[in-house]
Amino acid sequence: MAIHTFGDSHAGESHQSDINVGFNDKCKRNGWPEGVNHHHMGAVLCNSFGTKGFELIDISKFNLREADTLVFSFGEIDCRCHVYKHVNESQTYKDVIDRLINNYFNAIKLNLDKLSIKLREVCVYNIVPPSRENDCPGIDTPYVGTDKERKLAYLYFNKILDKKCKENGYTFIDVYEKYVGEDGFMIRELSDGWVHIKDGKYLQEFLNKHNIN
């Protein structure tokens, strides 16, 4: 049995990724414990996975085995620099996120339907708390929307992830409250100095508590 994460950098980055063959940096787990198989797709939007499906990820082509656990991790990039590009008089940020997540879960289902093995568990990882636009000086990080607007988007995105996981029988890996400060933004001491968590103690606690291994 093994854990496989699929997604953006919040799912962990590894030079051993089946897709990023040329990735030569050391493994950046971004809070995940040792022994997890990271399949880093790059800076990929939830929107891209939801609309491109197999063109982007076909998990049947990976070395998955009976009773493995899969974790999907997309959406932080969308909420940071994509959602508010599409907010206008005819659609709110909630409308945009509802569409993103419906497509996201459809893409997960299509992938799962191709598998001929029985998995132990299918999980969806929360998006981690937002960083303020001025939290990462010297790092070229795109932001769209005000800090307040993006905070609302992150909260709503996780709310709908939780709802869809319950509807589909998936496990929602929710450690958001452990990494968010009283101001509603990422606790910087637990971050990597950018937009990821670094101290994975609370993620490890969740995995242990729910026997995800």
N, C-alpha and C. Protein backbone atom coordinates (compact mmCIF):
# COMPACT_ATOMS: atom_id res chain seq x y z
N MET A 1 0.84 -1.19 0.00
CA MET A 1 0.00 0.00 0.00
C MET A 1 0.88 1.24 0.00
N ALA A 2 0.47 2.24 -0.78
CA ALA A 2 1.25 3.46 -0.88
C ALA A 2 0.30 4.64 -1.08
N ILE A 3 0.79 5.84 -0.73
CA ILE A 3 0.05 7.07 -0.99
C ILE A 3 0.63 7.72 -2.23
N HIS A 4 -0.22 8.10 -3.16
CA HIS A 4 0.19 8.82 -4.36
C HIS A 4 -0.53 10.16 -4.40
N THR A 5 0.21 11.25 -4.49
CA THR A 5 -0.41 12.56 -4.64
C THR A 5 -0.28 13.02 -6.09
N PHE A 6 -1.36 13.59 -6.60
CA PHE A 6 -1.41 14.13 -7.96
C PHE A 6 -1.85 15.58 -7.88
N GLY A 7 -1.07 16.47 -8.47
CA GLY A 7 -1.52 17.85 -8.46
C GLY A 7 -0.42 18.87 -8.63
N ASP A 8 -0.70 20.06 -8.11
CA ASP A 8 0.25 21.16 -8.20
C ASP A 8 1.30 21.00 -7.09
N SER A 9 2.06 22.05 -6.84
CA SER A 9 3.18 21.93 -5.89
C SER A 9 2.73 21.65 -4.46
N HIS A 10 1.48 21.93 -4.12
CA HIS A 10 0.99 21.62 -2.78
C HIS A 10 0.86 20.12 -2.55
N ALA A 11 0.87 19.37 -3.63
CA ALA A 11 0.88 17.91 -3.52
C ALA A 11 2.28 17.37 -3.33
N GLY A 12 3.27 18.27 -3.26
CA GLY A 12 4.67 17.87 -3.16
C GLY A 12 5.30 17.83 -4.54
N GLU A 13 6.59 18.14 -4.58
CA GLU A 13 7.32 18.13 -5.85
C GLU A 13 8.45 17.13 -5.75
N SER A 14 8.61 16.31 -6.76
CA SER A 14 9.68 15.32 -6.74
C SER A 14 10.31 15.15 -8.10
N HIS A 15 11.62 14.95 -8.10
CA HIS A 15 12.30 14.67 -9.36
C HIS A 15 11.96 13.29 -9.89
N GLN A 16 11.27 12.48 -9.06
CA GLN A 16 10.89 11.14 -9.47
C GLN A 16 9.51 11.09 -10.13
N SER A 17 8.93 12.24 -10.36
CA SER A 17 7.60 12.29 -10.98
C SER A 17 7.60 11.57 -12.32
N ASP A 18 6.54 10.82 -12.57
CA ASP A 18 6.41 10.09 -13.83
C ASP A 18 6.34 11.03 -15.02
N ILE A 19 5.86 12.25 -14.79
CA ILE A 19 5.69 13.19 -15.90
C ILE A 19 6.88 14.11 -16.04
N ASN A 20 7.32 14.73 -14.93
CA ASN A 20 8.42 15.68 -15.01
C ASN A 20 9.75 14.95 -14.94
N VAL A 21 10.07 14.21 -15.99
CA VAL A 21 11.26 13.36 -16.01
C VAL A 21 12.53 14.18 -15.83
N GLY A 22 12.52 15.41 -16.34
CA GLY A 22 13.72 16.22 -16.28
C GLY A 22 13.86 17.06 -15.02
N PHE A 23 13.00 16.86 -14.04
CA PHE A 23 13.04 17.66 -12.81
C PHE A 23 14.21 17.20 -11.96
N ASN A 24 15.19 18.09 -11.77
CA ASN A 24 16.43 17.69 -11.12
C ASN A 24 16.60 18.22 -9.70
N ASP A 25 15.67 19.01 -9.22
CA ASP A 25 15.77 19.54 -7.87
C ASP A 25 15.51 18.43 -6.86
N LYS A 26 15.95 18.65 -5.62
CA LYS A 26 15.65 17.66 -4.59
C LYS A 26 14.16 17.67 -4.29
N CYS A 27 13.70 16.61 -3.70
CA CYS A 27 12.27 16.49 -3.40
C CYS A 27 11.84 17.59 -2.44
N LYS A 28 10.77 18.29 -2.78
CA LYS A 28 10.19 19.30 -1.91
C LYS A 28 8.82 18.79 -1.49
N ARG A 29 8.73 18.32 -0.26
CA ARG A 29 7.51 17.62 0.15
C ARG A 29 6.37 18.57 0.49
N ASN A 30 6.69 19.83 0.81
CA ASN A 30 5.65 20.82 1.13
C ASN A 30 4.67 20.31 2.18
N GLY A 31 5.25 19.74 3.24
CA GLY A 31 4.45 19.28 4.37
C GLY A 31 4.14 17.81 4.39
N TRP A 32 4.29 17.12 3.26
CA TRP A 32 3.96 15.70 3.20
C TRP A 32 5.06 14.87 3.84
N PRO A 33 4.68 13.76 4.50
CA PRO A 33 5.70 12.93 5.16
C PRO A 33 6.55 12.15 4.16
N GLU A 34 7.63 11.61 4.66
CA GLU A 34 8.49 10.75 3.85
C GLU A 34 7.70 9.56 3.34
N GLY A 35 8.09 9.06 2.19
CA GLY A 35 7.49 7.84 1.67
C GLY A 35 6.30 8.04 0.76
N VAL A 36 5.81 9.27 0.64
CA VAL A 36 4.69 9.55 -0.25
C VAL A 36 5.21 9.68 -1.68
N ASN A 37 4.48 9.12 -2.63
CA ASN A 37 4.84 9.21 -4.05
C ASN A 37 4.20 10.46 -4.65
N HIS A 38 5.03 11.46 -4.94
CA HIS A 38 4.52 12.72 -5.47
C HIS A 38 4.55 12.72 -6.99
N HIS A 39 3.42 13.01 -7.59
CA HIS A 39 3.33 13.14 -9.05
C HIS A 39 2.97 14.60 -9.33
N HIS A 40 4.00 15.40 -9.41
CA HIS A 40 3.84 16.85 -9.53
C HIS A 40 3.56 17.21 -10.99
N MET A 41 2.41 17.83 -11.23
CA MET A 41 2.02 18.17 -12.59
C MET A 41 2.53 19.54 -13.02
N GLY A 42 3.18 20.25 -12.10
CA GLY A 42 3.62 21.61 -12.40
C GLY A 42 2.59 22.60 -11.86
N ALA A 43 2.74 23.84 -12.26
CA ALA A 43 1.82 24.90 -11.80
C ALA A 43 0.52 24.82 -12.58
N VAL A 44 -0.22 23.76 -12.33
CA VAL A 44 -1.43 23.45 -13.09
C VAL A 44 -2.66 23.91 -12.34
N LEU A 45 -3.54 24.56 -13.05
CA LEU A 45 -4.80 25.01 -12.47
C LEU A 45 -5.78 23.86 -12.28
N CYS A 46 -6.61 23.99 -11.27
CA CYS A 46 -7.76 23.09 -11.13
C CYS A 46 -8.62 23.19 -12.39
N ASN A 47 -8.74 24.37 -12.92
CA ASN A 47 -9.50 24.57 -14.15
C ASN A 47 -8.94 23.74 -15.30
N SER A 48 -7.63 23.65 -15.39
CA SER A 48 -6.99 22.88 -16.48
C SER A 48 -7.28 21.39 -16.33
N PHE A 49 -7.14 20.87 -15.11
CA PHE A 49 -7.43 19.46 -14.87
C PHE A 49 -8.90 19.17 -15.16
N GLY A 50 -9.76 20.06 -14.71
CA GLY A 50 -11.19 19.84 -14.89
C GLY A 50 -11.65 19.88 -16.33
N THR A 51 -10.98 20.66 -17.16
CA THR A 51 -11.41 20.79 -18.56
C THR A 51 -10.64 19.88 -19.52
N LYS A 52 -9.39 19.57 -19.19
CA LYS A 52 -8.57 18.74 -20.09
C LYS A 52 -8.60 17.26 -19.73
N GLY A 53 -8.87 16.94 -18.47
CA GLY A 53 -9.00 15.55 -18.06
C GLY A 53 -7.81 14.69 -18.41
N PHE A 54 -8.04 13.66 -19.21
CA PHE A 54 -6.99 12.69 -19.55
C PHE A 54 -5.82 13.32 -20.31
N GLU A 55 -6.09 14.39 -21.01
CA GLU A 55 -5.01 15.07 -21.74
C GLU A 55 -3.95 15.56 -20.76
N LEU A 56 -4.37 15.86 -19.55
CA LEU A 56 -3.46 16.35 -18.53
C LEU A 56 -2.98 15.25 -17.61
N ILE A 57 -3.90 14.45 -17.11
CA ILE A 57 -3.55 13.36 -16.20
C ILE A 57 -4.38 12.12 -16.53
N ASP A 58 -3.69 11.03 -16.75
CA ASP A 58 -4.34 9.72 -16.89
C ASP A 58 -3.69 8.82 -15.86
N ILE A 59 -4.32 8.67 -14.70
CA ILE A 59 -3.67 7.95 -13.61
C ILE A 59 -3.52 6.46 -13.90
N SER A 60 -4.24 5.95 -14.91
CA SER A 60 -4.09 4.53 -15.25
C SER A 60 -2.71 4.23 -15.82
N LYS A 61 -1.99 5.29 -16.23
CA LYS A 61 -0.65 5.11 -16.79
C LYS A 61 0.45 5.12 -15.73
N PHE A 62 0.06 5.34 -14.49
CA PHE A 62 1.03 5.36 -13.40
C PHE A 62 1.10 3.98 -12.75
N ASN A 63 2.15 3.78 -12.00
CA ASN A 63 2.38 2.48 -11.38
C ASN A 63 1.59 2.36 -10.08
N LEU A 64 0.28 2.29 -10.21
CA LEU A 64 -0.59 2.16 -9.04
C LEU A 64 -0.86 0.69 -8.77
N ARG A 65 -1.03 0.38 -7.49
CA ARG A 65 -1.25 -1.01 -7.10
C ARG A 65 -2.51 -1.14 -6.26
N GLU A 66 -2.95 -2.37 -6.14
CA GLU A 66 -4.12 -2.68 -5.32
C GLU A 66 -3.95 -2.09 -3.92
N ALA A 67 -5.01 -1.46 -3.41
CA ALA A 67 -5.08 -0.91 -2.06
C ALA A 67 -4.21 0.33 -1.85
N ASP A 68 -3.77 0.96 -2.92
CA ASP A 68 -3.09 2.24 -2.79
C ASP A 68 -4.10 3.34 -2.47
N THR A 69 -3.60 4.44 -1.96
CA THR A 69 -4.42 5.62 -1.67
C THR A 69 -4.02 6.75 -2.61
N LEU A 70 -5.01 7.42 -3.19
CA LEU A 70 -4.74 8.54 -4.08
C LEU A 70 -5.19 9.85 -3.43
N VAL A 71 -4.39 10.88 -3.62
CA VAL A 71 -4.73 12.21 -3.11
C VAL A 71 -4.63 13.19 -4.27
N PHE A 72 -5.70 13.94 -4.51
CA PHE A 72 -5.70 14.97 -5.54
C PHE A 72 -5.58 16.34 -4.88
N SER A 73 -4.76 17.20 -5.47
CA SER A 73 -4.49 18.51 -4.88
C SER A 73 -4.42 19.58 -5.96
N PHE A 74 -5.52 20.29 -6.13
CA PHE A 74 -5.59 21.41 -7.07
C PHE A 74 -6.42 22.53 -6.47
N GLY A 75 -6.19 23.76 -6.92
CA GLY A 75 -7.10 24.84 -6.58
C GLY A 75 -6.49 26.07 -5.94
N GLU A 76 -5.34 25.92 -5.26
CA GLU A 76 -4.76 27.10 -4.62
C GLU A 76 -4.37 28.15 -5.65
N ILE A 77 -3.79 27.71 -6.75
CA ILE A 77 -3.38 28.66 -7.78
C ILE A 77 -4.60 29.35 -8.38
N ASP A 78 -5.67 28.60 -8.57
CA ASP A 78 -6.90 29.18 -9.11
C ASP A 78 -7.40 30.31 -8.22
N CYS A 79 -7.45 30.05 -6.91
CA CYS A 79 -7.99 31.05 -5.99
C CYS A 79 -7.05 32.25 -5.85
N ARG A 80 -5.78 32.05 -6.06
CA ARG A 80 -4.82 33.14 -5.93
C ARG A 80 -4.78 34.04 -7.16
N CYS A 81 -4.92 33.46 -8.34
CA CYS A 81 -4.70 34.30 -9.52
C CYS A 81 -5.58 33.98 -10.73
N HIS A 82 -6.67 33.26 -10.51
CA HIS A 82 -7.53 32.88 -11.63
C HIS A 82 -8.99 33.26 -11.42
N VAL A 83 -9.53 32.95 -10.24
CA VAL A 83 -10.96 33.10 -10.00
C VAL A 83 -11.44 34.52 -10.29
N TYR A 84 -10.74 35.50 -9.75
CA TYR A 84 -11.25 36.88 -9.87
C TYR A 84 -11.04 37.49 -11.25
N LYS A 85 -10.34 36.80 -12.13
CA LYS A 85 -10.30 37.22 -13.52
C LYS A 85 -11.66 37.06 -14.19
N HIS A 86 -12.46 36.17 -13.63
CA HIS A 86 -13.72 35.78 -14.27
C HIS A 86 -14.95 36.28 -13.53
N VAL A 87 -14.73 37.06 -12.47
CA VAL A 87 -15.85 37.63 -11.74
C VAL A 87 -16.31 38.90 -12.46
N ASN A 88 -17.61 38.98 -12.71
CA ASN A 88 -18.17 40.15 -13.39
C ASN A 88 -19.62 40.32 -12.95
N GLU A 89 -20.36 41.14 -13.66
CA GLU A 89 -21.75 41.41 -13.26
C GLU A 89 -22.64 40.18 -13.36
N SER A 90 -22.24 39.23 -14.18
CA SER A 90 -23.10 38.06 -14.40
C SER A 90 -22.68 36.84 -13.57
N GLN A 91 -21.50 36.87 -12.94
CA GLN A 91 -21.11 35.72 -12.13
C GLN A 91 -20.22 36.15 -10.96
N THR A 92 -20.50 35.58 -9.81
CA THR A 92 -19.74 35.86 -8.59
C THR A 92 -18.57 34.89 -8.48
N TYR A 93 -17.72 35.13 -7.50
CA TYR A 93 -16.62 34.20 -7.26
C TYR A 93 -17.14 32.82 -6.89
N LYS A 94 -18.30 32.76 -6.25
CA LYS A 94 -18.88 31.46 -5.91
C LYS A 94 -19.32 30.72 -7.17
N ASP A 95 -19.89 31.42 -8.13
CA ASP A 95 -20.27 30.80 -9.40
C ASP A 95 -19.04 30.20 -10.10
N VAL A 96 -17.96 30.96 -10.12
CA VAL A 96 -16.73 30.49 -10.77
C VAL A 96 -16.20 29.24 -10.07
N ILE A 97 -16.18 29.28 -8.74
CA ILE A 97 -15.65 28.14 -7.97
C ILE A 97 -16.55 26.92 -8.10
N ASP A 98 -17.85 27.11 -8.09
CA ASP A 98 -18.77 25.97 -8.27
C ASP A 98 -18.48 25.25 -9.58
N ARG A 99 -18.28 26.00 -10.63
CA ARG A 99 -17.99 25.40 -11.92
C ARG A 99 -16.63 24.68 -11.91
N LEU A 100 -15.63 25.32 -11.32
CA LEU A 100 -14.31 24.72 -11.24
C LEU A 100 -14.36 23.36 -10.53
N ILE A 101 -15.04 23.34 -9.40
CA ILE A 101 -15.04 22.12 -8.59
C ILE A 101 -15.92 21.04 -9.20
N ASN A 102 -17.00 21.39 -9.84
CA ASN A 102 -17.80 20.38 -10.55
C ASN A 102 -16.95 19.70 -11.62
N ASN A 103 -16.22 20.50 -12.38
CA ASN A 103 -15.34 19.93 -13.42
C ASN A 103 -14.21 19.11 -12.81
N TYR A 104 -13.67 19.58 -11.70
CA TYR A 104 -12.60 18.89 -10.97
C TYR A 104 -13.04 17.49 -10.59
N PHE A 105 -14.20 17.37 -9.97
CA PHE A 105 -14.65 16.06 -9.52
C PHE A 105 -15.07 15.17 -10.69
N ASN A 106 -15.55 15.75 -11.76
CA ASN A 106 -15.83 14.96 -12.96
C ASN A 106 -14.55 14.36 -13.52
N ALA A 107 -13.46 15.14 -13.51
CA ALA A 107 -12.17 14.64 -14.00
C ALA A 107 -11.62 13.54 -13.10
N ILE A 108 -11.82 13.68 -11.80
CA ILE A 108 -11.40 12.61 -10.87
C ILE A 108 -12.17 11.33 -11.17
N LYS A 109 -13.49 11.45 -11.33
CA LYS A 109 -14.32 10.27 -11.59
C LYS A 109 -13.92 9.58 -12.89
N LEU A 110 -13.69 10.34 -13.94
CA LEU A 110 -13.27 9.76 -15.22
C LEU A 110 -11.98 8.98 -15.06
N ASN A 111 -11.04 9.53 -14.30
CA ASN A 111 -9.78 8.84 -14.06
C ASN A 111 -9.99 7.56 -13.26
N LEU A 112 -10.79 7.63 -12.23
CA LEU A 112 -11.02 6.45 -11.40
C LEU A 112 -11.72 5.34 -12.18
N ASP A 113 -12.60 5.72 -13.07
CA ASP A 113 -13.34 4.73 -13.85
C ASP A 113 -12.45 3.91 -14.77
N LYS A 114 -11.27 4.42 -15.10
CA LYS A 114 -10.34 3.70 -15.97
C LYS A 114 -9.51 2.65 -15.23
N LEU A 115 -9.50 2.74 -13.91
CA LEU A 115 -8.65 1.83 -13.13
C LEU A 115 -9.29 0.46 -13.01
N SER A 116 -8.47 -0.56 -13.10
CA SER A 116 -8.95 -1.93 -12.95
C SER A 116 -8.61 -2.49 -11.58
N ILE A 117 -8.04 -1.66 -10.71
CA ILE A 117 -7.67 -2.11 -9.37
C ILE A 117 -8.60 -1.47 -8.35
N LYS A 118 -8.63 -2.06 -7.17
CA LYS A 118 -9.43 -1.51 -6.08
C LYS A 118 -8.53 -0.69 -5.17
N LEU A 119 -8.83 0.59 -5.08
CA LEU A 119 -8.03 1.47 -4.24
C LEU A 119 -8.47 1.37 -2.79
N ARG A 120 -7.56 1.70 -1.90
CA ARG A 120 -7.93 1.74 -0.50
C ARG A 120 -8.76 2.98 -0.20
N GLU A 121 -8.32 4.11 -0.75
CA GLU A 121 -8.98 5.37 -0.43
C GLU A 121 -8.69 6.40 -1.52
N VAL A 122 -9.66 7.27 -1.74
CA VAL A 122 -9.48 8.42 -2.62
C VAL A 122 -9.67 9.67 -1.76
N CYS A 123 -8.68 10.56 -1.82
CA CYS A 123 -8.70 11.76 -0.98
C CYS A 123 -8.56 13.01 -1.84
N VAL A 124 -9.09 14.09 -1.32
CA VAL A 124 -8.88 15.40 -1.92
C VAL A 124 -8.32 16.31 -0.83
N TYR A 125 -7.21 16.95 -1.14
CA TYR A 125 -6.51 17.80 -0.19
C TYR A 125 -7.10 19.21 -0.22
N ASN A 126 -7.27 19.79 0.96
CA ASN A 126 -7.74 21.18 1.00
C ASN A 126 -6.72 22.10 0.32
N ILE A 127 -7.17 23.28 -0.08
CA ILE A 127 -6.19 24.28 -0.46
C ILE A 127 -5.75 24.97 0.82
N VAL A 128 -4.47 25.23 0.92
CA VAL A 128 -3.91 25.80 2.14
C VAL A 128 -4.32 27.26 2.26
N PRO A 129 -4.24 27.84 3.47
CA PRO A 129 -4.65 29.23 3.65
C PRO A 129 -3.90 30.20 2.75
N PRO A 130 -4.53 31.31 2.42
CA PRO A 130 -3.90 32.27 1.52
C PRO A 130 -2.77 33.04 2.20
N SER A 131 -1.87 33.54 1.38
CA SER A 131 -0.87 34.50 1.81
C SER A 131 -1.30 35.88 1.34
N ARG A 132 -0.94 36.89 2.10
CA ARG A 132 -1.19 38.25 1.64
C ARG A 132 -0.26 38.57 0.47
N GLU A 133 -0.67 39.54 -0.31
CA GLU A 133 0.13 39.88 -1.48
C GLU A 133 1.53 40.36 -1.12
N ASN A 134 1.69 40.93 0.07
CA ASN A 134 3.01 41.43 0.46
C ASN A 134 3.76 40.48 1.38
N ASP A 135 3.30 39.24 1.49
CA ASP A 135 3.95 38.27 2.38
C ASP A 135 5.20 37.64 1.78
N CYS A 136 5.37 37.73 0.48
CA CYS A 136 6.46 37.02 -0.19
C CYS A 136 7.33 37.99 -0.99
N PRO A 137 7.98 38.94 -0.32
CA PRO A 137 8.80 39.92 -1.05
C PRO A 137 9.95 39.25 -1.79
N GLY A 138 10.19 39.72 -3.00
CA GLY A 138 11.29 39.19 -3.78
C GLY A 138 10.96 37.93 -4.55
N ILE A 139 9.74 37.41 -4.38
CA ILE A 139 9.32 36.21 -5.11
C ILE A 139 8.23 36.62 -6.09
N ASP A 140 8.39 36.22 -7.33
CA ASP A 140 7.44 36.59 -8.38
C ASP A 140 6.20 35.72 -8.25
N THR A 141 5.22 36.19 -7.47
CA THR A 141 4.01 35.43 -7.19
C THR A 141 2.80 36.20 -7.71
N PRO A 142 2.05 35.64 -8.64
CA PRO A 142 0.89 36.37 -9.17
C PRO A 142 -0.29 36.34 -8.22
N TYR A 143 -0.99 37.46 -8.12
CA TYR A 143 -2.20 37.59 -7.33
C TYR A 143 -3.24 38.36 -8.15
N VAL A 144 -4.49 37.93 -8.05
CA VAL A 144 -5.59 38.67 -8.65
C VAL A 144 -6.68 38.78 -7.59
N GLY A 145 -7.16 39.99 -7.37
CA GLY A 145 -8.12 40.23 -6.31
C GLY A 145 -7.41 40.76 -5.07
N THR A 146 -8.15 41.41 -4.21
CA THR A 146 -7.58 41.91 -2.97
C THR A 146 -7.34 40.76 -2.00
N ASP A 147 -6.56 41.03 -0.96
CA ASP A 147 -6.35 40.00 0.06
C ASP A 147 -7.68 39.54 0.64
N LYS A 148 -8.57 40.47 0.92
CA LYS A 148 -9.88 40.13 1.50
C LYS A 148 -10.69 39.28 0.54
N GLU A 149 -10.68 39.62 -0.74
CA GLU A 149 -11.44 38.84 -1.72
C GLU A 149 -10.90 37.43 -1.84
N ARG A 150 -9.60 37.33 -1.89
CA ARG A 150 -9.00 35.99 -2.04
C ARG A 150 -9.24 35.13 -0.81
N LYS A 151 -9.24 35.74 0.35
CA LYS A 151 -9.52 34.97 1.57
C LYS A 151 -10.92 34.35 1.49
N LEU A 152 -11.88 35.10 1.01
CA LEU A 152 -13.24 34.57 0.85
C LEU A 152 -13.27 33.42 -0.15
N ALA A 153 -12.50 33.55 -1.23
CA ALA A 153 -12.47 32.50 -2.25
C ALA A 153 -11.87 31.21 -1.70
N TYR A 154 -10.79 31.31 -0.92
CA TYR A 154 -10.16 30.12 -0.34
C TYR A 154 -11.12 29.40 0.58
N LEU A 155 -11.82 30.15 1.42
CA LEU A 155 -12.76 29.54 2.35
C LEU A 155 -13.90 28.85 1.61
N TYR A 156 -14.44 29.49 0.60
CA TYR A 156 -15.55 28.91 -0.13
C TYR A 156 -15.08 27.69 -0.93
N PHE A 157 -13.90 27.76 -1.51
CA PHE A 157 -13.37 26.63 -2.27
C PHE A 157 -13.30 25.39 -1.38
N ASN A 158 -12.77 25.54 -0.18
CA ASN A 158 -12.66 24.39 0.73
C ASN A 158 -14.03 23.91 1.20
N LYS A 159 -14.95 24.83 1.38
CA LYS A 159 -16.31 24.43 1.78
C LYS A 159 -16.93 23.52 0.72
N ILE A 160 -16.76 23.88 -0.54
CA ILE A 160 -17.36 23.06 -1.61
C ILE A 160 -16.57 21.77 -1.82
N LEU A 161 -15.26 21.80 -1.63
CA LEU A 161 -14.49 20.55 -1.67
C LEU A 161 -15.02 19.56 -0.64
N ASP A 162 -15.24 20.04 0.57
CA ASP A 162 -15.75 19.19 1.64
C ASP A 162 -17.11 18.60 1.26
N LYS A 163 -17.98 19.44 0.73
CA LYS A 163 -19.32 19.00 0.33
C LYS A 163 -19.24 17.92 -0.75
N LYS A 164 -18.42 18.15 -1.78
CA LYS A 164 -18.31 17.19 -2.89
C LYS A 164 -17.66 15.89 -2.44
N CYS A 165 -16.71 15.96 -1.53
CA CYS A 165 -16.11 14.73 -1.01
C CYS A 165 -17.15 13.88 -0.29
N LYS A 166 -17.98 14.51 0.51
CA LYS A 166 -19.03 13.77 1.21
C LYS A 166 -20.01 13.14 0.23
N GLU A 167 -20.34 13.85 -0.83
CA GLU A 167 -21.27 13.33 -1.83
C GLU A 167 -20.70 12.12 -2.57
N ASN A 168 -19.38 12.09 -2.72
CA ASN A 168 -18.75 11.04 -3.54
C ASN A 168 -18.04 9.96 -2.73
N GLY A 169 -18.06 10.08 -1.41
CA GLY A 169 -17.42 9.07 -0.57
C GLY A 169 -15.91 9.17 -0.54
N TYR A 170 -15.38 10.36 -0.81
CA TYR A 170 -13.94 10.58 -0.74
C TYR A 170 -13.60 11.16 0.64
N THR A 171 -12.34 11.07 1.00
CA THR A 171 -11.87 11.68 2.24
C THR A 171 -11.34 13.08 1.96
N PHE A 172 -11.85 14.05 2.68
CA PHE A 172 -11.38 15.42 2.55
C PHE A 172 -10.27 15.64 3.57
N ILE A 173 -9.06 15.83 3.11
CA ILE A 173 -7.93 16.08 4.00
C ILE A 173 -7.95 17.57 4.35
N ASP A 174 -8.48 17.87 5.52
CA ASP A 174 -8.74 19.25 5.90
C ASP A 174 -7.88 19.63 7.11
N VAL A 175 -6.80 20.35 6.85
CA VAL A 175 -5.94 20.83 7.93
C VAL A 175 -5.88 22.37 7.91
N TYR A 176 -6.81 22.97 7.22
CA TYR A 176 -6.81 24.42 7.02
C TYR A 176 -6.71 25.19 8.34
N GLU A 177 -7.54 24.80 9.31
CA GLU A 177 -7.60 25.55 10.57
C GLU A 177 -6.29 25.46 11.36
N LYS A 178 -5.49 24.45 11.07
CA LYS A 178 -4.21 24.30 11.77
C LYS A 178 -3.14 25.25 11.23
N TYR A 179 -3.34 25.74 10.02
CA TYR A 179 -2.31 26.55 9.37
C TYR A 179 -2.74 28.00 9.14
N VAL A 180 -3.94 28.35 9.60
CA VAL A 180 -4.45 29.70 9.39
C VAL A 180 -4.38 30.48 10.70
N GLY A 181 -3.97 31.75 10.59
CA GLY A 181 -3.90 32.58 11.77
C GLY A 181 -5.23 33.26 12.06
N GLU A 182 -5.28 34.02 13.14
CA GLU A 182 -6.51 34.70 13.53
C GLU A 182 -6.94 35.72 12.48
N ASP A 183 -6.00 36.18 11.68
CA ASP A 183 -6.31 37.14 10.63
C ASP A 183 -6.83 36.49 9.36
N GLY A 184 -6.85 35.15 9.34
CA GLY A 184 -7.38 34.44 8.18
C GLY A 184 -6.36 34.12 7.11
N PHE A 185 -5.08 34.37 7.40
CA PHE A 185 -4.03 34.10 6.43
C PHE A 185 -3.05 33.06 6.97
N MET A 186 -2.24 32.52 6.08
CA MET A 186 -1.26 31.49 6.44
C MET A 186 -0.38 31.95 7.60
N ILE A 187 -0.19 31.07 8.57
CA ILE A 187 0.76 31.34 9.64
C ILE A 187 2.16 31.25 9.04
N ARG A 188 2.86 32.37 8.99
CA ARG A 188 4.11 32.41 8.25
C ARG A 188 5.16 31.45 8.81
N GLU A 189 5.14 31.24 10.13
CA GLU A 189 6.14 30.36 10.74
C GLU A 189 5.98 28.91 10.31
N LEU A 190 4.78 28.56 9.84
CA LEU A 190 4.53 27.19 9.39
C LEU A 190 4.65 27.06 7.87
N SER A 191 4.97 28.18 7.22
CA SER A 191 5.06 28.18 5.76
C SER A 191 6.51 28.00 5.31
N ASP A 192 6.68 27.90 4.00
CA ASP A 192 8.04 27.81 3.43
C ASP A 192 8.56 29.20 3.05
N GLY A 193 7.90 30.25 3.54
CA GLY A 193 8.27 31.60 3.19
C GLY A 193 7.60 32.06 1.91
N TRP A 194 6.81 31.16 1.33
CA TRP A 194 6.10 31.48 0.10
C TRP A 194 4.63 31.14 0.32
N VAL A 195 4.03 30.27 -0.49
CA VAL A 195 2.60 30.00 -0.38
C VAL A 195 2.31 28.56 0.05
N HIS A 196 3.35 27.80 0.40
CA HIS A 196 3.18 26.40 0.79
C HIS A 196 3.38 26.24 2.30
N ILE A 197 2.83 25.16 2.84
CA ILE A 197 3.19 24.82 4.20
C ILE A 197 4.53 24.10 4.16
N LYS A 198 5.30 24.27 5.20
CA LYS A 198 6.58 23.58 5.31
C LYS A 198 6.58 22.60 6.48
N ASP A 199 6.07 23.08 7.62
CA ASP A 199 5.98 22.22 8.80
C ASP A 199 4.74 21.35 8.66
N GLY A 200 4.96 20.08 8.36
CA GLY A 200 3.84 19.18 8.07
C GLY A 200 3.30 18.44 9.27
N LYS A 201 3.57 18.92 10.50
CA LYS A 201 3.17 18.15 11.67
C LYS A 201 1.65 17.95 11.75
N TYR A 202 0.89 18.95 11.36
CA TYR A 202 -0.57 18.81 11.45
C TYR A 202 -1.13 17.95 10.33
N LEU A 203 -0.50 18.01 9.17
CA LEU A 203 -0.88 17.12 8.08
C LEU A 203 -0.60 15.68 8.48
N GLN A 204 0.56 15.44 9.09
CA GLN A 204 0.90 14.09 9.55
C GLN A 204 -0.09 13.62 10.61
N GLU A 205 -0.48 14.51 11.51
CA GLU A 205 -1.47 14.15 12.53
C GLU A 205 -2.78 13.71 11.90
N PHE A 206 -3.23 14.44 10.87
CA PHE A 206 -4.49 14.10 10.20
C PHE A 206 -4.37 12.72 9.54
N LEU A 207 -3.29 12.49 8.84
CA LEU A 207 -3.11 11.21 8.15
C LEU A 207 -3.08 10.06 9.14
N ASN A 208 -2.40 10.25 10.26
CA ASN A 208 -2.34 9.21 11.29
C ASN A 208 -3.72 8.96 11.91
N LYS A 209 -4.42 10.05 12.22
CA LYS A 209 -5.74 9.93 12.87
C LYS A 209 -6.73 9.19 11.99
N HIS A 210 -6.65 9.41 10.68
CA HIS A 210 -7.60 8.80 9.75
C HIS A 210 -7.03 7.56 9.07
N ASN A 211 -5.88 7.10 9.58
CA ASN A 211 -5.27 5.86 9.08
C ASN A 211 -5.07 5.90 7.57
N ILE A 212 -4.56 7.02 7.08
CA ILE A 212 -4.28 7.16 5.65
C ILE A 212 -2.80 6.87 5.45
N ASN A 213 -2.53 5.71 4.89
CA ASN A 213 -1.13 5.30 4.69
C ASN A 213 -1.04 4.34 3.53
